[in-house]
């Protein structure tokens, strides 16, 4: 985490208030595609070290072969391209850690275009789980229970032109030609961003440009 910018002061304060009580806590970081959710989660992890584990929602992407089988590969990233029930079940396990036990979570590998099971270890003694993803505050598509499983929710809202540029660059980095990267960013990703935007009202705090590194 040495290259991670420090977390903004007001967010550090919220974080430590969250951890002031005993037991496992779950912090959710939501936002549109390309908003910087994983970057913010990495900042939280850098601030807390071994007191925190990041468990991304993206680990519950349906496999590429399954998306192709059911005809949804052309809009991968939409709510119905995830195993929402599996994600909810994992959050419930994470909220009630068993002493001495490790819960294993999946992670999404962009280079493989597929999730990898058992990639993230969450020991019982870790006090904070940070989970990040587009649909944490969505009241539909199987994600409705998620908000109630979070102790606090942050919604990441950068300037939209910054978000779009970041999204296009990410698609290019993982193999899309420039024109295809922009088409996906302004097509399927934009549709998902419009779906996610109204969920900001359910967050405890909106993390705007003034709080983003």
Foldseek 3Di string as FASTA:
>chain_A
DVPQDAFFPVVVVVVVVQLPDDAAAEEEEAAAQLLCRVSNVVNVCVVVPQLEFEAEQQLFFAFCVVCVVVVNNVQGQALLRGPLVVVVVLLVCRRDDDAPDKDFHWDQDLLNRHIDTRPTIDHRNRRYYYYYDHPQQPCDSNNNCNLVSHPFYEYRAEPVVNSLVSQLVVVVVNPDPSVVSNCSCVPSSVVSNVRRVVSNVSGPYYCYPVRDD
